[in-house]
Protein backbone atom coordinates (compact mmCIF):
# COMPACT_ATOMS: atom_id res chain seq x y z
CA MET A 1 0.01 -0.01 0.01
CA LEU A 2 1.19 3.50 -0.78
CA ALA A 3 -0.11 6.74 0.67
CA ILE A 4 1.10 10.20 -0.39
CA PHE A 5 -0.25 13.26 1.44
CA HIS A 6 0.34 16.91 0.59
CA LYS A 7 2.25 18.58 3.47
CA ALA A 8 -0.38 21.36 3.73
CA PHE A 9 -2.92 18.75 4.92
CA VAL A 10 -0.81 16.26 6.93
CA HIS A 11 2.66 16.56 8.45
CA PRO A 12 4.63 13.31 8.23
CA PRO A 13 6.19 11.83 11.35
CA GLU A 14 9.90 12.58 11.72
CA GLU A 15 10.60 8.83 11.60
CA LEU A 16 9.67 8.79 7.90
CA ASN A 17 12.56 11.08 7.01
CA SER A 18 15.37 8.78 5.94
CA PRO A 19 18.90 9.89 6.76
CA ALA A 20 20.09 8.10 3.60
CA SER A 21 17.93 10.40 1.44
CA GLN A 22 19.62 13.50 2.92
CA SER A 23 23.11 12.28 1.97
CA SER A 24 22.12 10.90 -1.44
CA PRO A 25 23.29 12.81 -4.53
CA ARG A 26 20.02 11.88 -6.32
CA ARG A 27 17.11 14.25 -6.03
CA PRO A 28 14.00 12.91 -4.26
CA LYS A 29 11.17 11.69 -6.47
CA LEU A 30 8.12 13.84 -6.96
CA PRO A 31 4.83 12.33 -5.71
CA ASP A 32 3.65 11.66 -9.29
CA GLU A 33 6.91 9.83 -10.08
CA THR A 34 6.58 7.69 -6.95
CA LEU A 35 2.99 6.79 -7.81
CA LYS A 36 3.80 5.94 -11.43
CA GLU A 37 6.68 3.70 -10.36
CA PHE A 38 4.54 1.95 -7.74
CA LEU A 39 1.76 1.28 -10.28
CA SER A 40 4.21 0.12 -12.95
CA HIS A 41 5.47 -2.72 -10.75
CA HIS A 42 1.96 -4.31 -10.52
CA PRO A 43 -0.02 -3.13 -13.56
CA GLN A 44 -2.62 -5.93 -13.47
CA ASN A 45 -3.78 -5.80 -9.83
CA THR A 46 -3.26 -2.23 -8.60
CA PHE A 47 -5.93 0.20 -7.47
CA SER A 48 -5.34 3.90 -6.85
CA MET A 49 -7.50 6.77 -5.73
CA SER A 50 -6.71 10.47 -5.77
CA PHE A 51 -8.22 13.10 -3.46
CA GLY A 52 -7.57 16.24 -5.50
CA ASP A 53 -4.23 17.75 -4.47
CA ALA A 54 -4.57 16.53 -0.87
CA ALA A 55 -3.70 12.81 -1.11
CA VAL A 56 -3.23 9.70 -3.22
CA LEU A 57 -3.73 6.12 -2.06
CA ALA A 58 -2.62 3.04 -3.99
CA TYR A 59 -3.06 -0.63 -3.18
CA VAL A 60 -1.84 -3.89 -4.70
CA ARG A 61 -4.04 -6.94 -4.19
CA PRO A 62 -2.19 -10.01 -3.00
CA GLU A 63 -1.47 -12.46 -5.84
CA ASN A 64 -2.05 -15.51 -3.67
CA HIS A 65 -5.67 -16.35 -3.16
CA PHE A 66 -6.29 -17.94 0.19
CA SER A 67 -8.90 -20.69 0.44
CA HIS A 68 -10.72 -21.52 3.62
CA GLN A 69 -10.00 -24.89 5.07
CA GLN A 70 -13.03 -27.00 5.84
């Protein structure tokens, strides 16, 4: 599952700020880039929903179907 929130609506916990990303020479991905990459890894079973500019949620259904034991 992926959730991206605009900082004007929700402030992320400090624990989500990776020290590795601060020392990395690569620029951080934009939210749209992150979402596109997430969706591209599972194109057949991904669901995403956008809430205007406030948030985006994406979900990948599990590939294994569980059957109930009788």
